[in-house]
Amino acid sequence: MFLTEPPAALAAALGVSPDPVSEEPARLNIAPGQDVVALSANGLMRMRWGIIPVGRVNARGRPVMETIVNARSETVFDKTAFAGMGRAILPVNGWYEWTGEKRRKTAWRITPLEGGLLYFAAISDVWQAPGGQRLHQLAPVTCAPSGDVHDVHHRMAVILNKADIAAWLHAPDAEAQQLMRPWPDGRLTVEPAAGIDWTAP
């Protein structure tokens, strides 16, 4: 995914203060494990992409060992591993998908047809790291792809209308669950991604 919107413009679009991310640079390639700018109920903040599920167990009572990078919309409110997690919004200007054989993959750049931002629904948590450090972390919620995306991937992030952001952050689970659906067809542009330095932060 990528976020090139200046922090001041991002904050203005969301109606919040740009602090404490006012110095955030443009990011052309954000990968799991890296920090992202996200909107929580308390405003903009940095979170780590990927939830370390320390102390969480699955339905069989066994510890969840793998880092949670994405959460499926079909089960996010049902799995015990997600119990008690918060919600956040991950604003991006777009994301990438790859198709083709290994070593010969084609990268695709997916952006809103009319430009601007996309708002990914995410779940969030806080990891109490050794030494007392608190690490805020998130995982985007995914759903079936829209017609624009299905040729390049079988899943996509749940994208929210701007008017639904408050509901995702604050509404009861039953109401938030109604927002988890594919983005309407015809609203995204999918084009080859050229000239991207995939090793850049």
N, C-alpha and C. Protein backbone atom coordinates (compact mmCIF):
# COMPACT_ATOMS: atom_id res chain seq x y z
N MET A 1 0.85 -1.18 0.00
CA MET A 1 0.00 0.00 0.00
C MET A 1 0.89 1.23 0.00
N PHE A 2 0.30 2.40 -0.21
CA PHE A 2 1.09 3.62 -0.19
C PHE A 2 0.22 4.79 0.27
N LEU A 3 0.89 5.78 0.87
CA LEU A 3 0.24 6.99 1.33
C LEU A 3 1.13 8.17 0.97
N THR A 4 0.69 8.98 0.02
CA THR A 4 1.47 10.13 -0.43
C THR A 4 0.82 11.45 -0.02
N GLU A 5 -0.34 11.40 0.57
CA GLU A 5 -1.06 12.61 1.00
C GLU A 5 -0.26 13.31 2.11
N PRO A 6 -0.02 14.61 2.01
CA PRO A 6 0.67 15.32 3.10
C PRO A 6 -0.14 15.23 4.39
N PRO A 7 0.53 15.17 5.54
CA PRO A 7 -0.21 15.03 6.80
C PRO A 7 -1.27 16.10 7.02
N ALA A 8 -0.98 17.35 6.63
CA ALA A 8 -1.96 18.41 6.83
C ALA A 8 -3.22 18.16 6.00
N ALA A 9 -3.04 17.70 4.75
CA ALA A 9 -4.20 17.40 3.90
C ALA A 9 -4.96 16.19 4.41
N LEU A 10 -4.22 15.19 4.91
CA LEU A 10 -4.86 14.00 5.47
C LEU A 10 -5.70 14.37 6.68
N ALA A 11 -5.13 15.18 7.57
CA ALA A 11 -5.86 15.60 8.76
C ALA A 11 -7.10 16.42 8.39
N ALA A 12 -6.95 17.29 7.39
CA ALA A 12 -8.08 18.11 6.96
C ALA A 12 -9.20 17.25 6.39
N ALA A 13 -8.83 16.22 5.63
CA ALA A 13 -9.84 15.34 5.05
C ALA A 13 -10.61 14.59 6.12
N LEU A 14 -9.94 14.29 7.23
CA LEU A 14 -10.57 13.53 8.31
C LEU A 14 -11.15 14.42 9.41
N GLY A 15 -10.88 15.71 9.33
CA GLY A 15 -11.41 16.63 10.33
C GLY A 15 -10.75 16.50 11.68
N VAL A 16 -9.43 16.20 11.69
CA VAL A 16 -8.70 16.04 12.95
C VAL A 16 -7.40 16.83 12.89
N SER A 17 -6.70 16.89 14.00
CA SER A 17 -5.41 17.55 14.06
C SER A 17 -4.34 16.66 13.42
N PRO A 18 -3.33 17.26 12.73
CA PRO A 18 -2.26 16.44 12.16
C PRO A 18 -1.28 15.90 13.19
N ASP A 19 -1.30 16.42 14.40
CA ASP A 19 -0.40 15.90 15.44
C ASP A 19 -0.86 14.51 15.85
N PRO A 20 0.04 13.57 16.12
CA PRO A 20 1.50 13.71 16.17
C PRO A 20 2.20 13.18 14.91
N VAL A 21 1.55 13.25 13.76
CA VAL A 21 2.15 12.69 12.54
C VAL A 21 2.47 13.78 11.53
N SER A 22 2.62 15.03 12.02
CA SER A 22 2.77 16.17 11.11
C SER A 22 4.05 16.11 10.29
N GLU A 23 5.03 15.34 10.72
CA GLU A 23 6.29 15.23 9.98
C GLU A 23 6.38 13.95 9.15
N GLU A 24 5.28 13.23 9.02
CA GLU A 24 5.29 11.96 8.30
C GLU A 24 5.61 12.18 6.82
N PRO A 25 6.63 11.49 6.27
CA PRO A 25 6.96 11.66 4.85
C PRO A 25 6.02 10.85 3.97
N ALA A 26 6.05 11.16 2.67
CA ALA A 26 5.30 10.34 1.70
C ALA A 26 5.86 8.93 1.72
N ARG A 27 4.99 7.94 1.60
CA ARG A 27 5.39 6.53 1.63
C ARG A 27 4.89 5.84 0.37
N LEU A 28 5.80 5.42 -0.49
CA LEU A 28 5.41 4.81 -1.77
C LEU A 28 5.31 3.30 -1.70
N ASN A 29 5.79 2.71 -0.62
CA ASN A 29 5.73 1.25 -0.49
C ASN A 29 5.74 0.89 0.99
N ILE A 30 4.58 0.63 1.54
CA ILE A 30 4.46 0.27 2.95
C ILE A 30 4.20 -1.23 3.05
N ALA A 31 5.01 -1.92 3.83
CA ALA A 31 4.92 -3.37 3.94
C ALA A 31 4.51 -3.76 5.35
N PRO A 32 3.97 -4.97 5.53
CA PRO A 32 3.66 -5.45 6.87
C PRO A 32 4.87 -5.38 7.78
N GLY A 33 4.64 -5.03 9.03
CA GLY A 33 5.72 -4.87 9.99
C GLY A 33 6.21 -3.44 10.11
N GLN A 34 5.81 -2.57 9.18
CA GLN A 34 6.21 -1.18 9.23
C GLN A 34 5.11 -0.33 9.87
N ASP A 35 5.50 0.87 10.30
CA ASP A 35 4.54 1.80 10.88
C ASP A 35 3.67 2.41 9.80
N VAL A 36 2.43 2.68 10.15
CA VAL A 36 1.48 3.35 9.27
C VAL A 36 0.82 4.48 10.05
N VAL A 37 0.23 5.41 9.33
CA VAL A 37 -0.59 6.45 9.96
C VAL A 37 -2.02 5.96 9.97
N ALA A 38 -2.65 5.99 11.13
CA ALA A 38 -4.02 5.48 11.26
C ALA A 38 -4.85 6.45 12.08
N LEU A 39 -6.15 6.33 11.91
CA LEU A 39 -7.09 7.13 12.70
C LEU A 39 -7.74 6.23 13.73
N SER A 40 -7.59 6.59 14.99
CA SER A 40 -8.27 5.89 16.08
C SER A 40 -9.35 6.80 16.63
N ALA A 41 -10.03 6.36 17.65
CA ALA A 41 -11.05 7.19 18.28
C ALA A 41 -10.43 8.44 18.91
N ASN A 42 -9.09 8.43 19.10
CA ASN A 42 -8.40 9.55 19.73
C ASN A 42 -7.67 10.44 18.74
N GLY A 43 -7.85 10.20 17.43
CA GLY A 43 -7.18 11.01 16.42
C GLY A 43 -6.12 10.24 15.66
N LEU A 44 -5.32 10.96 14.87
CA LEU A 44 -4.27 10.32 14.09
C LEU A 44 -3.15 9.84 14.99
N MET A 45 -2.57 8.71 14.64
CA MET A 45 -1.45 8.17 15.38
C MET A 45 -0.69 7.17 14.51
N ARG A 46 0.51 6.83 14.93
CA ARG A 46 1.28 5.80 14.24
C ARG A 46 0.96 4.44 14.86
N MET A 47 0.75 3.47 14.01
CA MET A 47 0.55 2.09 14.46
C MET A 47 1.42 1.17 13.62
N ARG A 48 1.71 0.01 14.15
CA ARG A 48 2.44 -0.99 13.38
C ARG A 48 1.46 -1.85 12.61
N TRP A 49 1.76 -2.09 11.33
CA TRP A 49 0.91 -2.96 10.51
C TRP A 49 1.25 -4.41 10.84
N GLY A 50 0.34 -5.06 11.55
CA GLY A 50 0.53 -6.44 11.99
C GLY A 50 0.35 -6.52 13.49
N ILE A 51 -0.60 -7.35 13.91
CA ILE A 51 -0.90 -7.49 15.34
C ILE A 51 -0.18 -8.71 15.90
N ILE A 52 0.65 -8.48 16.92
CA ILE A 52 1.31 -9.56 17.63
C ILE A 52 0.32 -10.11 18.65
N PRO A 53 -0.18 -11.33 18.46
CA PRO A 53 -1.30 -11.82 19.28
C PRO A 53 -0.87 -12.43 20.61
N VAL A 54 -0.06 -11.72 21.38
CA VAL A 54 0.41 -12.24 22.65
C VAL A 54 -0.76 -12.48 23.59
N GLY A 55 -0.85 -13.69 24.13
CA GLY A 55 -1.90 -14.02 25.08
C GLY A 55 -3.23 -14.37 24.45
N ARG A 56 -3.34 -14.33 23.13
CA ARG A 56 -4.62 -14.64 22.48
C ARG A 56 -4.66 -16.11 22.08
N VAL A 57 -5.86 -16.67 22.15
CA VAL A 57 -6.03 -18.09 21.85
C VAL A 57 -7.11 -18.26 20.79
N ASN A 58 -7.07 -19.41 20.10
CA ASN A 58 -8.10 -19.70 19.10
C ASN A 58 -9.28 -20.40 19.77
N ALA A 59 -10.23 -20.85 18.96
CA ALA A 59 -11.44 -21.46 19.50
C ALA A 59 -11.15 -22.73 20.29
N ARG A 60 -10.01 -23.37 20.03
CA ARG A 60 -9.63 -24.59 20.76
C ARG A 60 -8.81 -24.29 22.00
N GLY A 61 -8.61 -23.00 22.28
CA GLY A 61 -7.85 -22.63 23.46
C GLY A 61 -6.35 -22.65 23.25
N ARG A 62 -5.91 -22.82 22.01
CA ARG A 62 -4.48 -22.86 21.73
C ARG A 62 -3.97 -21.46 21.40
N PRO A 63 -2.74 -21.13 21.79
CA PRO A 63 -2.20 -19.79 21.51
C PRO A 63 -2.12 -19.51 20.01
N VAL A 64 -2.45 -18.28 19.65
CA VAL A 64 -2.28 -17.83 18.27
C VAL A 64 -0.82 -17.40 18.12
N MET A 65 -0.11 -18.04 17.21
CA MET A 65 1.33 -17.83 17.12
C MET A 65 1.73 -16.83 16.03
N GLU A 66 1.00 -16.84 14.90
CA GLU A 66 1.41 -16.00 13.78
C GLU A 66 0.92 -14.57 13.95
N THR A 67 1.72 -13.61 13.46
CA THR A 67 1.30 -12.22 13.47
C THR A 67 0.09 -12.05 12.55
N ILE A 68 -0.90 -11.31 13.01
CA ILE A 68 -2.13 -11.10 12.25
C ILE A 68 -1.92 -9.88 11.35
N VAL A 69 -1.77 -10.12 10.04
CA VAL A 69 -1.53 -9.04 9.09
C VAL A 69 -2.85 -8.52 8.52
N ASN A 70 -3.78 -9.42 8.27
CA ASN A 70 -5.12 -9.08 7.79
C ASN A 70 -6.14 -9.92 8.57
N ALA A 71 -7.35 -9.41 8.66
CA ALA A 71 -8.43 -10.15 9.34
C ALA A 71 -9.61 -10.29 8.38
N ARG A 72 -10.13 -11.49 8.25
CA ARG A 72 -11.25 -11.73 7.33
C ARG A 72 -12.54 -11.16 7.91
N SER A 73 -13.26 -10.41 7.09
CA SER A 73 -14.50 -9.79 7.54
C SER A 73 -15.54 -10.84 7.96
N GLU A 74 -15.48 -12.02 7.35
CA GLU A 74 -16.47 -13.06 7.63
C GLU A 74 -16.37 -13.59 9.06
N THR A 75 -15.20 -13.43 9.68
CA THR A 75 -15.00 -14.03 11.01
C THR A 75 -14.45 -13.06 12.05
N VAL A 76 -14.21 -11.80 11.68
CA VAL A 76 -13.51 -10.90 12.59
C VAL A 76 -14.28 -10.66 13.88
N PHE A 77 -15.61 -10.72 13.85
CA PHE A 77 -16.37 -10.50 15.08
C PHE A 77 -16.72 -11.81 15.79
N ASP A 78 -16.26 -12.93 15.24
CA ASP A 78 -16.60 -14.22 15.82
C ASP A 78 -15.42 -14.94 16.45
N LYS A 79 -14.23 -14.77 15.89
CA LYS A 79 -13.07 -15.52 16.38
C LYS A 79 -12.62 -15.02 17.75
N THR A 80 -12.30 -15.96 18.61
CA THR A 80 -11.83 -15.59 19.94
C THR A 80 -10.51 -14.83 19.87
N ALA A 81 -9.72 -15.07 18.83
CA ALA A 81 -8.43 -14.39 18.70
C ALA A 81 -8.60 -12.89 18.55
N PHE A 82 -9.79 -12.44 18.12
CA PHE A 82 -10.02 -11.02 17.91
C PHE A 82 -10.84 -10.39 19.04
N ALA A 83 -11.17 -11.16 20.06
CA ALA A 83 -12.03 -10.66 21.13
C ALA A 83 -11.40 -9.45 21.82
N GLY A 84 -12.22 -8.41 22.01
CA GLY A 84 -11.76 -7.24 22.74
C GLY A 84 -10.89 -6.28 21.97
N MET A 85 -10.66 -6.53 20.70
CA MET A 85 -9.84 -5.61 19.92
C MET A 85 -10.63 -4.36 19.58
N GLY A 86 -9.89 -3.27 19.35
CA GLY A 86 -10.50 -2.02 18.95
C GLY A 86 -10.62 -1.94 17.44
N ARG A 87 -11.00 -0.76 16.97
CA ARG A 87 -11.11 -0.52 15.53
C ARG A 87 -10.36 0.74 15.16
N ALA A 88 -9.89 0.78 13.93
CA ALA A 88 -9.15 1.94 13.43
C ALA A 88 -9.43 2.10 11.94
N ILE A 89 -9.03 3.23 11.40
CA ILE A 89 -9.13 3.52 9.98
C ILE A 89 -7.71 3.67 9.44
N LEU A 90 -7.42 2.99 8.34
CA LEU A 90 -6.12 3.09 7.70
C LEU A 90 -6.30 3.86 6.39
N PRO A 91 -5.93 5.15 6.34
CA PRO A 91 -6.08 5.92 5.11
C PRO A 91 -4.90 5.67 4.17
N VAL A 92 -5.20 5.43 2.91
CA VAL A 92 -4.16 5.19 1.91
C VAL A 92 -4.56 5.88 0.61
N ASN A 93 -3.56 6.10 -0.24
CA ASN A 93 -3.86 6.58 -1.59
C ASN A 93 -4.02 5.43 -2.58
N GLY A 94 -3.67 4.22 -2.14
CA GLY A 94 -3.83 3.05 -2.99
C GLY A 94 -3.02 1.89 -2.47
N TRP A 95 -3.05 0.79 -3.21
CA TRP A 95 -2.28 -0.39 -2.82
C TRP A 95 -1.86 -1.16 -4.06
N TYR A 96 -1.04 -2.20 -3.84
CA TYR A 96 -0.49 -3.00 -4.93
C TYR A 96 -0.94 -4.45 -4.81
N GLU A 97 -1.08 -5.09 -5.94
CA GLU A 97 -1.28 -6.54 -6.01
C GLU A 97 -0.38 -7.08 -7.11
N TRP A 98 -0.09 -8.39 -7.05
CA TRP A 98 0.79 -9.02 -8.03
C TRP A 98 0.09 -10.22 -8.67
N THR A 99 0.33 -10.41 -9.97
CA THR A 99 -0.18 -11.58 -10.68
C THR A 99 0.96 -12.21 -11.46
N GLY A 100 0.77 -13.47 -11.86
CA GLY A 100 1.76 -14.14 -12.70
C GLY A 100 2.60 -15.13 -11.93
N GLU A 101 3.52 -15.76 -12.65
CA GLU A 101 4.39 -16.78 -12.08
C GLU A 101 5.50 -16.15 -11.24
N LYS A 102 6.02 -16.95 -10.32
CA LYS A 102 7.11 -16.49 -9.47
C LYS A 102 8.28 -16.02 -10.32
N ARG A 103 8.89 -14.91 -9.94
CA ARG A 103 10.00 -14.26 -10.64
C ARG A 103 9.57 -13.57 -11.93
N ARG A 104 8.30 -13.73 -12.32
CA ARG A 104 7.80 -13.04 -13.52
C ARG A 104 6.49 -12.33 -13.21
N LYS A 105 6.35 -11.92 -11.98
CA LYS A 105 5.08 -11.33 -11.55
C LYS A 105 4.92 -9.91 -12.09
N THR A 106 3.68 -9.56 -12.34
CA THR A 106 3.31 -8.20 -12.73
C THR A 106 2.72 -7.49 -11.52
N ALA A 107 3.23 -6.31 -11.23
CA ALA A 107 2.70 -5.52 -10.11
C ALA A 107 1.62 -4.58 -10.63
N TRP A 108 0.52 -4.52 -9.90
CA TRP A 108 -0.61 -3.67 -10.26
C TRP A 108 -0.82 -2.62 -9.18
N ARG A 109 -1.07 -1.41 -9.62
CA ARG A 109 -1.30 -0.27 -8.73
C ARG A 109 -2.80 0.03 -8.75
N ILE A 110 -3.41 0.04 -7.57
CA ILE A 110 -4.86 0.21 -7.46
C ILE A 110 -5.14 1.50 -6.71
N THR A 111 -5.87 2.41 -7.34
CA THR A 111 -6.13 3.73 -6.78
C THR A 111 -7.60 4.10 -6.99
N PRO A 112 -8.10 5.07 -6.23
CA PRO A 112 -9.47 5.53 -6.47
C PRO A 112 -9.58 6.22 -7.83
N LEU A 113 -10.64 5.94 -8.55
CA LEU A 113 -10.84 6.47 -9.89
C LEU A 113 -10.74 7.99 -9.92
N GLU A 114 -11.27 8.64 -8.91
CA GLU A 114 -11.30 10.10 -8.88
C GLU A 114 -10.17 10.68 -8.05
N GLY A 115 -9.15 9.86 -7.69
CA GLY A 115 -8.04 10.35 -6.89
C GLY A 115 -8.41 10.49 -5.42
N GLY A 116 -7.45 10.97 -4.64
CA GLY A 116 -7.71 11.17 -3.21
C GLY A 116 -7.43 9.94 -2.38
N LEU A 117 -8.17 9.79 -1.31
CA LEU A 117 -7.90 8.77 -0.31
C LEU A 117 -8.91 7.63 -0.35
N LEU A 118 -8.43 6.48 0.11
CA LEU A 118 -9.29 5.35 0.43
C LEU A 118 -9.18 5.11 1.93
N TYR A 119 -10.26 4.69 2.55
CA TYR A 119 -10.28 4.48 3.99
C TYR A 119 -10.50 2.99 4.28
N PHE A 120 -9.43 2.30 4.69
CA PHE A 120 -9.51 0.87 5.00
C PHE A 120 -10.02 0.67 6.43
N ALA A 121 -10.99 -0.21 6.60
CA ALA A 121 -11.40 -0.62 7.94
C ALA A 121 -10.33 -1.53 8.53
N ALA A 122 -10.01 -1.34 9.80
CA ALA A 122 -8.98 -2.15 10.45
C ALA A 122 -9.38 -2.45 11.88
N ILE A 123 -8.83 -3.53 12.42
CA ILE A 123 -8.92 -3.80 13.85
C ILE A 123 -7.60 -3.37 14.48
N SER A 124 -7.64 -3.07 15.77
CA SER A 124 -6.43 -2.55 16.42
C SER A 124 -6.28 -3.17 17.81
N ASP A 125 -5.05 -3.10 18.29
CA ASP A 125 -4.73 -3.68 19.59
C ASP A 125 -3.49 -2.96 20.11
N VAL A 126 -3.18 -3.16 21.37
CA VAL A 126 -1.97 -2.60 21.97
C VAL A 126 -1.16 -3.74 22.56
N TRP A 127 0.09 -3.84 22.12
CA TRP A 127 1.00 -4.85 22.64
C TRP A 127 1.87 -4.24 23.73
N GLN A 128 1.85 -4.88 24.90
CA GLN A 128 2.70 -4.45 25.99
C GLN A 128 4.06 -5.09 25.80
N ALA A 129 4.99 -4.34 25.25
CA ALA A 129 6.31 -4.87 24.92
C ALA A 129 7.18 -4.98 26.18
N PRO A 130 8.24 -5.80 26.12
CA PRO A 130 9.17 -5.88 27.25
C PRO A 130 9.72 -4.50 27.60
N GLY A 131 9.83 -4.24 28.89
CA GLY A 131 10.32 -2.94 29.31
C GLY A 131 9.22 -1.91 29.51
N GLY A 132 7.97 -2.34 29.29
CA GLY A 132 6.85 -1.45 29.54
C GLY A 132 6.41 -0.62 28.35
N GLN A 133 7.09 -0.74 27.21
CA GLN A 133 6.69 0.03 26.04
C GLN A 133 5.36 -0.48 25.50
N ARG A 134 4.48 0.44 25.12
CA ARG A 134 3.18 0.10 24.54
C ARG A 134 3.23 0.34 23.04
N LEU A 135 2.93 -0.71 22.28
CA LEU A 135 2.99 -0.62 20.82
C LEU A 135 1.59 -0.75 20.24
N HIS A 136 1.10 0.31 19.64
CA HIS A 136 -0.20 0.28 18.97
C HIS A 136 -0.03 -0.43 17.62
N GLN A 137 -0.97 -1.30 17.30
CA GLN A 137 -0.84 -2.12 16.10
C GLN A 137 -2.22 -2.34 15.48
N LEU A 138 -2.23 -2.65 14.18
CA LEU A 138 -3.50 -2.84 13.50
C LEU A 138 -3.37 -3.90 12.41
N ALA A 139 -4.54 -4.33 11.93
CA ALA A 139 -4.62 -5.25 10.79
C ALA A 139 -5.85 -4.86 9.98
N PRO A 140 -5.69 -4.56 8.68
CA PRO A 140 -6.85 -4.27 7.85
C PRO A 140 -7.81 -5.46 7.79
N VAL A 141 -9.09 -5.15 7.64
CA VAL A 141 -10.11 -6.18 7.47
C VAL A 141 -10.33 -6.39 5.97
N THR A 142 -10.41 -7.65 5.55
CA THR A 142 -10.57 -7.94 4.12
C THR A 142 -11.91 -8.60 3.82
N CYS A 143 -12.31 -8.49 2.55
CA CYS A 143 -13.57 -9.07 2.09
C CYS A 143 -13.38 -9.58 0.67
N ALA A 144 -14.45 -10.05 0.05
CA ALA A 144 -14.39 -10.48 -1.35
C ALA A 144 -14.05 -9.26 -2.22
N PRO A 145 -13.41 -9.48 -3.38
CA PRO A 145 -13.00 -8.35 -4.21
C PRO A 145 -14.16 -7.74 -4.98
N SER A 146 -14.01 -6.48 -5.33
CA SER A 146 -14.96 -5.85 -6.24
C SER A 146 -14.67 -6.31 -7.66
N GLY A 147 -15.56 -5.95 -8.58
CA GLY A 147 -15.32 -6.31 -9.97
C GLY A 147 -14.07 -5.69 -10.53
N ASP A 148 -13.64 -4.55 -10.01
CA ASP A 148 -12.42 -3.91 -10.48
C ASP A 148 -11.17 -4.71 -10.12
N VAL A 149 -11.24 -5.43 -8.99
CA VAL A 149 -10.04 -6.06 -8.41
C VAL A 149 -9.97 -7.56 -8.65
N HIS A 150 -11.09 -8.22 -8.95
CA HIS A 150 -11.11 -9.68 -8.90
C HIS A 150 -10.14 -10.34 -9.88
N ASP A 151 -9.73 -9.66 -10.95
CA ASP A 151 -8.78 -10.26 -11.89
C ASP A 151 -7.36 -10.27 -11.37
N VAL A 152 -7.05 -9.47 -10.33
CA VAL A 152 -5.69 -9.41 -9.82
C VAL A 152 -5.57 -9.98 -8.41
N HIS A 153 -6.70 -10.16 -7.71
CA HIS A 153 -6.62 -10.78 -6.37
C HIS A 153 -8.00 -11.25 -5.93
N HIS A 154 -8.01 -12.29 -5.08
CA HIS A 154 -9.27 -12.87 -4.64
C HIS A 154 -9.81 -12.23 -3.36
N ARG A 155 -9.06 -11.26 -2.80
CA ARG A 155 -9.52 -10.53 -1.62
C ARG A 155 -9.16 -9.06 -1.80
N MET A 156 -9.80 -8.20 -1.01
CA MET A 156 -9.42 -6.80 -0.96
C MET A 156 -9.77 -6.26 0.42
N ALA A 157 -9.17 -5.14 0.77
CA ALA A 157 -9.49 -4.50 2.04
C ALA A 157 -10.93 -3.98 2.01
N VAL A 158 -11.57 -3.99 3.15
CA VAL A 158 -12.88 -3.34 3.28
C VAL A 158 -12.65 -1.83 3.22
N ILE A 159 -13.22 -1.18 2.21
CA ILE A 159 -13.08 0.26 2.04
C ILE A 159 -14.37 0.92 2.51
N LEU A 160 -14.20 1.96 3.31
CA LEU A 160 -15.36 2.63 3.89
C LEU A 160 -15.64 3.96 3.21
N ASN A 161 -16.91 4.30 3.06
CA ASN A 161 -17.27 5.67 2.71
C ASN A 161 -16.86 6.59 3.85
N LYS A 162 -16.47 7.80 3.51
CA LYS A 162 -16.07 8.76 4.54
C LYS A 162 -17.17 8.93 5.58
N ALA A 163 -18.40 8.90 5.15
CA ALA A 163 -19.53 9.09 6.07
C ALA A 163 -19.67 7.94 7.06
N ASP A 164 -19.02 6.81 6.79
CA ASP A 164 -19.14 5.64 7.67
C ASP A 164 -17.98 5.49 8.64
N ILE A 165 -17.03 6.41 8.59
CA ILE A 165 -15.85 6.30 9.45
C ILE A 165 -16.23 6.31 10.92
N ALA A 166 -17.09 7.23 11.32
CA ALA A 166 -17.48 7.33 12.74
C ALA A 166 -18.17 6.05 13.20
N ALA A 167 -19.01 5.48 12.34
CA ALA A 167 -19.69 4.23 12.71
C ALA A 167 -18.69 3.10 12.91
N TRP A 168 -17.70 3.02 12.03
CA TRP A 168 -16.71 1.94 12.19
C TRP A 168 -15.94 2.10 13.50
N LEU A 169 -15.62 3.33 13.85
CA LEU A 169 -14.83 3.56 15.06
C LEU A 169 -15.64 3.39 16.34
N HIS A 170 -16.94 3.70 16.30
CA HIS A 170 -17.69 3.81 17.55
C HIS A 170 -18.93 2.92 17.67
N ALA A 171 -19.48 2.46 16.57
CA ALA A 171 -20.77 1.76 16.63
C ALA A 171 -20.62 0.36 17.21
N PRO A 172 -21.72 -0.23 17.72
CA PRO A 172 -21.70 -1.62 18.16
C PRO A 172 -21.31 -2.55 17.02
N ASP A 173 -20.85 -3.75 17.39
CA ASP A 173 -20.38 -4.70 16.39
C ASP A 173 -21.42 -4.97 15.31
N ALA A 174 -22.67 -5.12 15.69
CA ALA A 174 -23.72 -5.46 14.72
C ALA A 174 -23.84 -4.39 13.64
N GLU A 175 -23.69 -3.14 14.03
CA GLU A 175 -23.78 -2.05 13.06
C GLU A 175 -22.52 -1.98 12.20
N ALA A 176 -21.37 -2.14 12.84
CA ALA A 176 -20.12 -2.11 12.10
C ALA A 176 -20.03 -3.25 11.10
N GLN A 177 -20.61 -4.37 11.44
CA GLN A 177 -20.59 -5.54 10.57
C GLN A 177 -21.28 -5.26 9.23
N GLN A 178 -22.25 -4.39 9.22
CA GLN A 178 -22.97 -4.06 7.99
C GLN A 178 -22.10 -3.29 7.00
N LEU A 179 -20.99 -2.73 7.47
CA LEU A 179 -20.11 -1.94 6.61
C LEU A 179 -19.09 -2.80 5.87
N MET A 180 -19.00 -4.07 6.22
CA MET A 180 -17.96 -4.93 5.65
C MET A 180 -18.46 -5.59 4.37
N ARG A 181 -18.30 -4.88 3.27
CA ARG A 181 -18.76 -5.37 1.98
C ARG A 181 -17.81 -4.86 0.90
N PRO A 182 -17.78 -5.52 -0.26
CA PRO A 182 -16.88 -5.08 -1.33
C PRO A 182 -17.20 -3.65 -1.78
N TRP A 183 -16.18 -2.93 -2.17
CA TRP A 183 -16.34 -1.58 -2.71
C TRP A 183 -17.10 -1.67 -4.03
N PRO A 184 -18.02 -0.76 -4.30
CA PRO A 184 -18.80 -0.84 -5.54
C PRO A 184 -17.92 -0.84 -6.79
N ASP A 185 -18.35 -1.58 -7.79
CA ASP A 185 -17.61 -1.65 -9.06
C ASP A 185 -17.52 -0.27 -9.71
N GLY A 186 -16.42 -0.06 -10.43
CA GLY A 186 -16.25 1.16 -11.20
C GLY A 186 -15.64 2.32 -10.45
N ARG A 187 -15.24 2.11 -9.20
CA ARG A 187 -14.69 3.21 -8.42
C ARG A 187 -13.17 3.15 -8.30
N LEU A 188 -12.55 2.08 -8.81
CA LEU A 188 -11.10 1.91 -8.68
C LEU A 188 -10.44 1.81 -10.05
N THR A 189 -9.21 2.29 -10.13
CA THR A 189 -8.39 2.14 -11.33
C THR A 189 -7.31 1.11 -11.03
N VAL A 190 -7.16 0.13 -11.90
CA VAL A 190 -6.12 -0.89 -11.76
C VAL A 190 -5.20 -0.78 -12.97
N GLU A 191 -3.92 -0.49 -12.74
CA GLU A 191 -2.98 -0.28 -13.83
C GLU A 191 -1.62 -0.83 -13.45
N PRO A 192 -0.78 -1.19 -14.43
CA PRO A 192 0.56 -1.69 -14.10
C PRO A 192 1.34 -0.67 -13.27
N ALA A 193 2.04 -1.16 -12.26
CA ALA A 193 2.85 -0.29 -11.40
C ALA A 193 4.27 -0.29 -11.93
N ALA A 194 4.68 0.82 -12.48
CA ALA A 194 6.01 0.93 -13.07
C ALA A 194 6.85 1.90 -12.25
N GLY A 195 8.17 1.62 -12.21
CA GLY A 195 9.10 2.54 -11.59
C GLY A 195 9.06 2.57 -10.08
N ILE A 196 8.54 1.52 -9.44
CA ILE A 196 8.47 1.47 -7.98
C ILE A 196 9.74 0.80 -7.43
N ASP A 197 10.38 1.42 -6.47
CA ASP A 197 11.51 0.80 -5.78
C ASP A 197 10.93 -0.02 -4.62
N TRP A 198 10.84 -1.32 -4.82
CA TRP A 198 10.18 -2.17 -3.82
C TRP A 198 11.00 -2.34 -2.55
N THR A 199 12.28 -1.91 -2.57
CA THR A 199 13.10 -2.01 -1.38
C THR A 199 13.02 -0.74 -0.54
N ALA A 200 12.37 0.30 -1.07
CA ALA A 200 12.30 1.57 -0.33
C ALA A 200 11.31 1.46 0.82
N PRO A 201 11.57 2.19 1.92
CA PRO A 201 10.63 2.16 3.04
C PRO A 201 9.35 2.88 2.72
